[in-house]
Amino acid sequence: MKIEMRYRRFWLRALLLLPVLLMLLCVGCSRDEEVEPTINIYVYAPDRASVTRGEVVPTLEEGRIYNLQIWVFRSSDPTQKVASLTITKESELQGLNEEKSASFSLKLSDRSFADRPEPVDIYVMANVLDNNGTNYLEDVTSGAEIEEAVFNGGHFFSFKTGPTYQAATSVPQGLGIPLSGVARGKSVIDRNNVLHVNDANLRLVRTVSKIRFVFSSLEGLDPIFIENITLNKNMLYRKERFFLDGDHPNYWVEEPFDPSVQVRLVKGDNNIPVVQNADPTVYAHNSKYSDEEYETLVNNGVEDRMLTEYGPVYLPESDKRLSGTISFRIGYYSNITLEAPFSMASGNFHRNQTWLVYAYYIGSSKLVVSAVNVVPWEIVDDLPDHQVPNW
């Protein structure tokens, strides 16, 4: 009987200890299994902004992100890739498109980085897949390869859409406008076993810029019709660098566009005349306006149907002062084509900016042309500390 009681007590104790043993076993297993190390990157879209200018924010089409690629390399040795990620699912980009910010968690391809984090270089591209600006870069293994990445225009921005060399006058449907962003030498901190890139205030930047052409004519005169707007020869490049840096904020690959052709920017409407108003000179740019105030004036004129707009036209950047020709016709029955030259007001045609070209007719068979560079094509005020972009 005593022996039987001992056995009962033994098995009772064993049953009571079983949960503890299972718990210890699970802890041991979790220690043996290596936790997947990750690095967290916080992304802000270029339209994360408050209202500060006339063209408040880009259109929905201009701001939409369809795909995103991220690469992270050690700053000390750019041949060592820390992590990379390609995102194409709309649901995973929803935060970036709707709230203009999103957090992405990248699995480390270099697991040793989690033990001894160090500063990193980060490169990001958006809307470049499907030959919308560059070739696929998923297999890139070094920062040098990314630095050499070139914006080649793809199907839409290389003017190879046909024999007329028509520039892009709309955002490629379902593909968007290519963007790029880079942050170099940014420190990494460990927060509760998740790595975060620290103090990297960086925005995505559109690789293209745009030109808006706006026209008007004096009331009572013969109507004028815009036939074509073309860019003069050898103004653009077939390829340019995707990523900029502080020393070279704008730099190009020396492969100019074919100088034997002109690029058509806009094809006018031979049946609809330019809007007439009582005083077209009201909309001419002068020193009393800031660029923002002038853009607001033009926007209001277009909205009130006091001005006719063609465009915008989306172009890769150039280190040249762009110039071209406006071809127009006066009168319903005239078959004589007249020309008016236009030129950028000053500077170069850098990426991520808007140019306005305004031309008006007040007689004498001439168009009066003025052009102005309108502030960069995004608006980001200083954000509160807790909203500082953290790549």
Foldseek 3Di string as FASTA:
>chain_A
DVVVVVVVVVVVVVVVCVVVVVVVVVVVVVVVDDDFAKAKFKAFAQAPFAADFQCRADDLQQRDFQKKKKWKAALVFQLATFFIDIDHDCVQCVCCSPVRMDMDITGTPPVVCLVPPFFIKMKMKTLCPPQQFFYDDPPDRGPVVLQPTKGQRGCAAQLVVDPQSEFHQDAPPSRHFMWMKIFGRFGWDADPSYIFTPDGQIYIFGQKEWEKEKEEEAPPFFFKWWAWWKWAFQFAASIAGRDADDVGNGGGDPHTDDRVHIHTHFGIDLPDTWHHDHDPCVLADDDVDDLRRSSNVVVVCVVVSRMDMGGTGIHGWGQDFIKIKTWMDGHNPDPDIDIDIDTAPDGTRGGQWYKYKYWYYHDPPDIDIDIYTHDGNYHHDDDPPVPRRTD
